[in-house]
């Protein structure tokens, strides 16, 4: 179940790979169990989704909204 509170939002639009994925993975290492992370990015980060699933995370995608995706990520309970 998705936590109720967002811990941080990462604005990743315009960054070249692999920087967006590196920033997300670094932020997830310090993510509190009762919080989620929101990332904003200008493309669908398909390689990230497999890493999240293997790492025990769930996610919710909104978009594309005006050429941008918003993705919430949290630890699977």
PDB file of N, CA and C in Angstrom:
ATOM      1  N   UNK A   1       0.842  -1.179   0.000  1.00  0.00           N
ATOM      2  CA  UNK A   1       0.000   0.000   0.000  1.00  0.00           C
ATOM      3  C   UNK A   1       0.889   1.245   0.000  1.00  0.00           C
ATOM      4  N   UNK A   2       0.518   2.201  -0.804  1.00  0.00           N
ATOM      5  CA  UNK A   2       1.294   3.433  -0.916  1.00  0.00           C
ATOM      6  C   UNK A   2       1.189   4.257   0.368  1.00  0.00           C
ATOM      7  N   UNK A   3       2.336   4.717   0.887  1.00  0.00           N
ATOM      8  CA  UNK A   3       2.310   5.599   2.067  1.00  0.00           C
ATOM      9  C   UNK A   3       1.561   6.893   1.779  1.00  0.00           C
ATOM     10  N   UNK A   4       1.142   7.570   2.822  1.00  0.00           N
ATOM     11  CA  UNK A   4       0.360   8.792   2.670  1.00  0.00           C
ATOM     12  C   UNK A   4       1.201  10.038   2.458  1.00  0.00           C
ATOM     13  N   UNK A   5       2.459  10.031   2.855  1.00  0.00           N
ATOM     14  CA  UNK A   5       3.259  11.253   2.821  1.00  0.00           C
ATOM     15  C   UNK A   5       4.453  11.127   1.874  1.00  0.00           C
ATOM     16  N   UNK A   6       4.685  12.194   1.126  1.00  0.00           N
ATOM     17  CA  UNK A   6       5.830  12.272   0.231  1.00  0.00           C
ATOM     18  C   UNK A   6       7.030  12.810   1.005  1.00  0.00           C
ATOM     19  N   UNK A   7       8.171  12.151   0.847  1.00  0.00           N
ATOM     20  CA  UNK A   7       9.380  12.608   1.521  1.00  0.00           C
ATOM     21  C   UNK A   7      10.103  13.664   0.699  1.00  0.00           C
ATOM     22  N   UNK A   8      10.178  13.456  -0.612  1.00  0.00           N
ATOM     23  CA  UNK A   8      10.906  14.393  -1.460  1.00  0.00           C
ATOM     24  C   UNK A   8      10.436  14.270  -2.900  1.00  0.00           C
ATOM     25  N   UNK A   9      10.669  15.318  -3.672  1.00  0.00           N
ATOM     26  CA  UNK A   9      10.379  15.311  -5.102  1.00  0.00           C
ATOM     27  C   UNK A   9      11.675  15.616  -5.842  1.00  0.00           C
ATOM     28  N   UNK A  10      11.999  14.758  -6.797  1.00  0.00           N
ATOM     29  CA  UNK A  10      13.191  14.946  -7.614  1.00  0.00           C
ATOM     30  C   UNK A  10      12.779  15.470  -8.983  1.00  0.00           C
ATOM     31  N   UNK A  11      13.282  16.618  -9.371  1.00  0.00           N
ATOM     32  CA  UNK A  11      13.036  17.198 -10.697  1.00  0.00           C
ATOM     33  C   UNK A  11      14.166  16.744 -11.608  1.00  0.00           C
ATOM     34  N   UNK A  12      13.868  15.829 -12.521  1.00  0.00           N
ATOM     35  CA  UNK A  12      14.897  15.192 -13.332  1.00  0.00           C
ATOM     36  C   UNK A  12      14.772  15.497 -14.822  1.00  0.00           C
ATOM     37  N   UNK A  13      13.860  16.375 -15.199  1.00  0.00           N
ATOM     38  CA  UNK A  13      13.670  16.716 -16.613  1.00  0.00           C
ATOM     39  C   UNK A  13      14.943  17.350 -17.166  1.00  0.00           C
ATOM     40  N   UNK A  14      15.295  16.938 -18.363  1.00  0.00           N
ATOM     41  CA  UNK A  14      16.447  17.516 -19.045  1.00  0.00           C
ATOM     42  C   UNK A  14      17.778  16.864 -18.725  1.00  0.00           C
ATOM     43  N   UNK A  15      17.811  15.963 -17.751  1.00  0.00           N
ATOM     44  CA  UNK A  15      19.059  15.285 -17.407  1.00  0.00           C
ATOM     45  C   UNK A  15      19.279  14.099 -18.340  1.00  0.00           C
ATOM     46  N   UNK A  16      20.513  13.873 -18.708  1.00  0.00           N
ATOM     47  CA  UNK A  16      20.860  12.759 -19.585  1.00  0.00           C
ATOM     48  C   UNK A  16      21.090  11.487 -18.763  1.00  0.00           C
ATOM     49  N   UNK A  17      20.701  10.328 -19.336  1.00  0.00           N
ATOM     50  CA  UNK A  17      20.988   9.064 -18.661  1.00  0.00           C
ATOM     51  C   UNK A  17      22.496   8.895 -18.483  1.00  0.00           C
ATOM     52  N   UNK A  18      22.911   8.299 -17.424  1.00  0.00           N
ATOM     53  CA  UNK A  18      22.160   7.603 -16.375  1.00  0.00           C
ATOM     54  C   UNK A  18      21.875   8.474 -15.148  1.00  0.00           C
ATOM     55  N   UNK A  19      22.083   9.784 -15.231  1.00  0.00           N
ATOM     56  CA  UNK A  19      21.947  10.634 -14.053  1.00  0.00           C
ATOM     57  C   UNK A  19      20.585  10.549 -13.368  1.00  0.00           C
ATOM     58  N   UNK A  20      19.446  10.553 -14.100  1.00  0.00           N
ATOM     59  CA  UNK A  20      18.166  10.441 -13.385  1.00  0.00           C
ATOM     60  C   UNK A  20      18.068   9.168 -12.552  1.00  0.00           C
ATOM     61  N   UNK A  21      18.478   8.028 -13.132  1.00  0.00           N
ATOM     62  CA  UNK A  21      18.400   6.767 -12.397  1.00  0.00           C
ATOM     63  C   UNK A  21      19.335   6.792 -11.190  1.00  0.00           C
ATOM     64  N   UNK A  22      20.517   7.318 -11.358  1.00  0.00           N
ATOM     65  CA  UNK A  22      21.461   7.395 -10.238  1.00  0.00           C
ATOM     66  C   UNK A  22      20.905   8.239  -9.103  1.00  0.00           C
ATOM     67  N   UNK A  23      20.275   9.351  -9.432  1.00  0.00           N
ATOM     68  CA  UNK A  23      19.702  10.219  -8.388  1.00  0.00           C
ATOM     69  C   UNK A  23      18.552   9.534  -7.653  1.00  0.00           C
ATOM     70  N   UNK A  24      17.705   8.830  -8.409  1.00  0.00           N
ATOM     71  CA  UNK A  24      16.577   8.125  -7.793  1.00  0.00           C
ATOM     72  C   UNK A  24      17.096   7.032  -6.865  1.00  0.00           C
ATOM     73  N   UNK A  25      18.029   6.218  -7.343  1.00  0.00           N
ATOM     74  CA  UNK A  25      18.547   5.127  -6.521  1.00  0.00           C
ATOM     75  C   UNK A  25      19.234   5.653  -5.270  1.00  0.00           C
ATOM     76  N   UNK A  26      19.944   6.753  -5.362  1.00  0.00           N
ATOM     77  CA  UNK A  26      20.577   7.355  -4.186  1.00  0.00           C
ATOM     78  C   UNK A  26      19.525   7.831  -3.186  1.00  0.00           C
ATOM     79  N   UNK A  27      18.464   8.458  -3.678  1.00  0.00           N
ATOM     80  CA  UNK A  27      17.399   8.950  -2.789  1.00  0.00           C
ATOM     81  C   UNK A  27      16.658   7.799  -2.127  1.00  0.00           C
ATOM     82  N   UNK A  28      16.485   6.691  -2.832  1.00  0.00           N
ATOM     83  CA  UNK A  28      15.778   5.546  -2.263  1.00  0.00           C
ATOM     84  C   UNK A  28      16.546   4.915  -1.111  1.00  0.00           C
ATOM     85  N   UNK A  29      17.864   5.028  -1.116  1.00  0.00           N
ATOM     86  CA  UNK A  29      18.664   4.446  -0.031  1.00  0.00           C
ATOM     87  C   UNK A  29      18.357   5.099   1.317  1.00  0.00           C
ATOM     88  N   UNK A  30      17.865   6.329   1.312  1.00  0.00           N
ATOM     89  CA  UNK A  30      17.567   7.027   2.569  1.00  0.00           C
ATOM     90  C   UNK A  30      16.069   7.242   2.781  1.00  0.00           C
ATOM     91  N   UNK A  31      15.256   6.656   1.922  1.00  0.00           N
ATOM     92  CA  UNK A  31      13.806   6.842   2.010  1.00  0.00           C
ATOM     93  C   UNK A  31      13.233   6.135   3.238  1.00  0.00           C
ATOM     94  N   UNK A  32      12.504   6.864   4.050  1.00  0.00           N
ATOM     95  CA  UNK A  32      11.848   6.285   5.227  1.00  0.00           C
ATOM     96  C   UNK A  32      10.771   5.301   4.779  1.00  0.00           C
ATOM     97  N   UNK A  33      10.565   4.269   5.571  1.00  0.00           N
ATOM     98  CA  UNK A  33       9.614   3.207   5.223  1.00  0.00           C
ATOM     99  C   UNK A  33       8.184   3.718   5.086  1.00  0.00           C
ATOM    100  N   UNK A  34       7.845   4.800   5.778  1.00  0.00           N
ATOM    101  CA  UNK A  34       6.475   5.316   5.763  1.00  0.00           C
ATOM    102  C   UNK A  34       6.309   6.512   4.821  1.00  0.00           C
ATOM    103  N   UNK A  35       7.207   6.662   3.852  1.00  0.00           N
ATOM    104  CA  UNK A  35       7.179   7.788   2.914  1.00  0.00           C
ATOM    105  C   UNK A  35       7.336   7.289   1.489  1.00  0.00           C
ATOM    106  N   UNK A  36       7.005   8.156   0.539  1.00  0.00           N
ATOM    107  CA  UNK A  36       7.283   7.848  -0.856  1.00  0.00           C
ATOM    108  C   UNK A  36       8.066   8.983  -1.484  1.00  0.00           C
ATOM    109  N   UNK A  37       8.685   8.679  -2.596  1.00  0.00           N
ATOM    110  CA  UNK A  37       9.490   9.613  -3.370  1.00  0.00           C
ATOM    111  C   UNK A  37       8.739   9.895  -4.664  1.00  0.00           C
ATOM    112  N   UNK A  38       8.707  11.148  -5.091  1.00  0.00           N
ATOM    113  CA  UNK A  38       8.130  11.493  -6.388  1.00  0.00           C
ATOM    114  C   UNK A  38       9.252  11.959  -7.301  1.00  0.00           C
ATOM    115  N   UNK A  39       9.272  11.409  -8.506  1.00  0.00           N
ATOM    116  CA  UNK A  39      10.221  11.874  -9.507  1.00  0.00           C
ATOM    117  C   UNK A  39       9.449  12.473 -10.669  1.00  0.00           C
ATOM    118  N   UNK A  40       9.962  13.567 -11.198  1.00  0.00           N
ATOM    119  CA  UNK A  40       9.389  14.203 -12.385  1.00  0.00           C
ATOM    120  C   UNK A  40      10.437  14.090 -13.481  1.00  0.00           C
ATOM    121  N   UNK A  41      10.042  13.520 -14.632  1.00  0.00           N
ATOM    122  CA  UNK A  41      10.997  13.259 -15.705  1.00  0.00           C
ATOM    123  C   UNK A  41      10.311  13.425 -17.055  1.00  0.00           C
ATOM    124  N   UNK A  42      11.086  13.754 -18.075  1.00  0.00           N
ATOM    125  CA  UNK A  42      10.526  14.035 -19.390  1.00  0.00           C
ATOM    126  C   UNK A  42      10.494  12.829 -20.325  1.00  0.00           C
ATOM    127  N   UNK A  43      10.743  11.635 -19.805  1.00  0.00           N
ATOM    128  CA  UNK A  43      10.607  10.403 -20.582  1.00  0.00           C
ATOM    129  C   UNK A  43      10.280   9.265 -19.613  1.00  0.00           C
ATOM    130  N   UNK A  44       9.692   8.213 -20.134  1.00  0.00           N
ATOM    131  CA  UNK A  44       9.350   7.075 -19.278  1.00  0.00           C
ATOM    132  C   UNK A  44      10.621   6.270 -18.999  1.00  0.00           C
ATOM    133  N   UNK A  45      11.033   6.153 -17.741  1.00  0.00           N
ATOM    134  CA  UNK A  45      12.296   5.493 -17.404  1.00  0.00           C
ATOM    135  C   UNK A  45      12.159   3.969 -17.325  1.00  0.00           C
ATOM    136  N   UNK A  46      11.957   3.340 -18.450  1.00  0.00           N
ATOM    137  CA  UNK A  46      11.687   1.899 -18.495  1.00  0.00           C
ATOM    138  C   UNK A  46      12.752   1.052 -17.785  1.00  0.00           C
ATOM    139  N   UNK A  47      14.051   1.309 -17.950  1.00  0.00           N
ATOM    140  CA  UNK A  47      15.034   0.475 -17.238  1.00  0.00           C
ATOM    141  C   UNK A  47      14.915   0.562 -15.709  1.00  0.00           C
ATOM    142  N   UNK A  48      14.438   1.671 -15.215  1.00  0.00           N
ATOM    143  CA  UNK A  48      14.297   1.843 -13.769  1.00  0.00           C
ATOM    144  C   UNK A  48      13.233   0.912 -13.197  1.00  0.00           C
ATOM    145  N   UNK A  49      12.173   0.663 -13.931  1.00  0.00           N
ATOM    146  CA  UNK A  49      11.059  -0.125 -13.402  1.00  0.00           C
ATOM    147  C   UNK A  49      11.487  -1.543 -13.003  1.00  0.00           C
ATOM    148  N   UNK A  50      12.331  -2.184 -13.797  1.00  0.00           N
ATOM    149  CA  UNK A  50      12.806  -3.532 -13.459  1.00  0.00           C
ATOM    150  C   UNK A  50      13.670  -3.495 -12.197  1.00  0.00           C
ATOM    151  N   UNK A  51      14.514  -2.475 -12.065  1.00  0.00           N
ATOM    152  CA  UNK A  51      15.339  -2.341 -10.864  1.00  0.00           C
ATOM    153  C   UNK A  51      14.478  -2.146  -9.623  1.00  0.00           C
ATOM    154  N   UNK A  52      13.432  -1.351  -9.752  1.00  0.00           N
ATOM    155  CA  UNK A  52      12.536  -1.119  -8.615  1.00  0.00           C
ATOM    156  C   UNK A  52      11.857  -2.412  -8.188  1.00  0.00           C
ATOM    157  N   UNK A  53      11.351  -3.157  -9.151  1.00  0.00           N
ATOM    158  CA  UNK A  53      10.655  -4.409  -8.838  1.00  0.00           C
ATOM    159  C   UNK A  53      11.589  -5.392  -8.141  1.00  0.00           C
ATOM    160  N   UNK A  54      12.809  -5.528  -8.642  1.00  0.00           N
ATOM    161  CA  UNK A  54      13.779  -6.442  -8.019  1.00  0.00           C
ATOM    162  C   UNK A  54      14.231  -5.944  -6.647  1.00  0.00           C
ATOM    163  N   UNK A  55      14.220  -4.645  -6.448  1.00  0.00           N
ATOM    164  CA  UNK A  55      14.683  -4.064  -5.197  1.00  0.00           C
ATOM    165  C   UNK A  55      13.627  -3.973  -4.113  1.00  0.00           C
ATOM    166  N   UNK A  56      12.403  -4.411  -4.394  1.00  0.00           N
ATOM    167  CA  UNK A  56      11.352  -4.398  -3.379  1.00  0.00           C
ATOM    168  C   UNK A  56      10.565  -3.111  -3.302  1.00  0.00           C
ATOM    169  N   UNK A  57      10.465  -2.403  -4.422  1.00  0.00           N
ATOM    170  CA  UNK A  57       9.724  -1.140  -4.464  1.00  0.00           C
ATOM    171  C   UNK A  57       8.512  -1.267  -5.378  1.00  0.00           C
ATOM    172  N   UNK A  58       7.477  -0.528  -5.057  1.00  0.00           N
ATOM    173  CA  UNK A  58       6.312  -0.369  -5.924  1.00  0.00           C
ATOM    174  C   UNK A  58       6.322   1.057  -6.437  1.00  0.00           C
ATOM    175  N   UNK A  59       5.566   1.295  -7.496  1.00  0.00           N
ATOM    176  CA  UNK A  59       5.526   2.635  -8.080  1.00  0.00           C
ATOM    177  C   UNK A  59       4.183   2.873  -8.755  1.00  0.00           C
ATOM    178  N   UNK A  60       3.890   4.137  -8.949  1.00  0.00           N
ATOM    179  CA  UNK A  60       2.661   4.585  -9.610  1.00  0.00           C
ATOM    180  C   UNK A  60       3.060   5.668 -10.609  1.00  0.00           C
ATOM    181  N   UNK A  61       2.601   5.521 -11.839  1.00  0.00           N
ATOM    182  CA  UNK A  61       2.975   6.438 -12.916  1.00  0.00           C
ATOM    183  C   UNK A  61       1.787   7.322 -13.284  1.00  0.00           C
ATOM    184  N   UNK A  62       2.049   8.609 -13.440  1.00  0.00           N
ATOM    185  CA  UNK A  62       1.068   9.547 -13.984  1.00  0.00           C
ATOM    186  C   UNK A  62       1.711  10.195 -15.205  1.00  0.00           C
ATOM    187  N   UNK A  63       1.044  10.107 -16.325  1.00  0.00           N
ATOM    188  CA  UNK A  63       1.588  10.767 -17.502  1.00  0.00           C
ATOM    189  C   UNK A  63       1.500   9.897 -18.730  1.00  0.00           C
ATOM    190  N   UNK A  64       1.944  10.444 -19.816  1.00  0.00           N
ATOM    191  CA  UNK A  64       2.617  11.736 -19.889  1.00  0.00           C
ATOM    192  C   UNK A  64       1.642  12.894 -19.741  1.00  0.00           C
ATOM    193  N   UNK A  65       2.029  13.840 -18.942  1.00  0.00           N
ATOM    194  CA  UNK A  65       1.253  15.053 -18.702  1.00  0.00           C
ATOM    195  C   UNK A  65       2.063  16.224 -19.252  1.00  0.00           C
ATOM    196  N   UNK A  66       1.685  16.741 -20.394  1.00  0.00           N
ATOM    197  CA  UNK A  66       2.437  17.831 -21.002  1.00  0.00           C
ATOM    198  C   UNK A  66       3.870  17.436 -21.328  1.00  0.00           C
ATOM    199  N   UNK A  67       4.067  16.169 -21.745  1.00  0.00           N
ATOM    200  CA  UNK A  67       5.397  15.693 -22.077  1.00  0.00           C
ATOM    201  C   UNK A  67       6.233  15.296 -20.882  1.00  0.00           C
ATOM    202  N   UNK A  68       5.613  15.138 -19.729  1.00  0.00           N
ATOM    203  CA  UNK A  68       6.329  14.832 -18.499  1.00  0.00           C
ATOM    204  C   UNK A  68       5.624  13.715 -17.741  1.00  0.00           C
ATOM    205  N   UNK A  69       6.409  12.905 -17.058  1.00  0.00           N
ATOM    206  CA  UNK A  69       5.880  11.837 -16.212  1.00  0.00           C
ATOM    207  C   UNK A  69       6.137  12.190 -14.755  1.00  0.00           C
ATOM    208  N   UNK A  70       5.199  11.830 -13.905  1.00  0.00           N
ATOM    209  CA  UNK A  70       5.380  11.898 -12.458  1.00  0.00           C
ATOM    210  C   UNK A  70       5.256  10.474 -11.952  1.00  0.00           C
ATOM    211  N   UNK A  71       6.244  10.041 -11.190  1.00  0.00           N
ATOM    212  CA  UNK A  71       6.283   8.664 -10.718  1.00  0.00           C
ATOM    213  C   UNK A  71       6.530   8.659  -9.223  1.00  0.00           C
ATOM    214  N   UNK A  72       5.600   8.055  -8.475  1.00  0.00           N
ATOM    215  CA  UNK A  72       5.751   7.890  -7.032  1.00  0.00           C
ATOM    216  C   UNK A  72       6.354   6.517  -6.777  1.00  0.00           C
ATOM    217  N   UNK A  73       7.327   6.429  -5.876  1.00  0.00           N
ATOM    218  CA  UNK A  73       8.032   5.181  -5.573  1.00  0.00           C
ATOM    219  C   UNK A  73       8.055   4.998  -4.060  1.00  0.00           C
ATOM    220  N   UNK A  74       7.772   3.772  -3.602  1.00  0.00           N
ATOM    221  CA  UNK A  74       7.806   3.473  -2.173  1.00  0.00           C
ATOM    222  C   UNK A  74       8.210   2.018  -1.951  1.00  0.00           C
ATOM    223  N   UNK A  75       8.650   1.737  -0.728  1.00  0.00           N
ATOM    224  CA  UNK A  75       9.029   0.364  -0.371  1.00  0.00           C
ATOM    225  C   UNK A  75       7.787  -0.500  -0.282  1.00  0.00           C
ATOM    226  N   UNK A  76       7.886  -1.672  -0.872  1.00  0.00           N
ATOM    227  CA  UNK A  76       6.785  -2.632  -0.812  1.00  0.00           C
ATOM    228  C   UNK A  76       6.631  -3.109   0.624  1.00  0.00           C
ATOM    229  N   UNK A  77       5.390  -3.194   1.075  1.00  0.00           N
ATOM    230  CA  UNK A  77       5.163  -3.632   2.469  1.00  0.00           C
ATOM    231  C   UNK A  77       4.908  -5.113   2.548  1.00  0.00           C
TER     232      UNK A  77
END
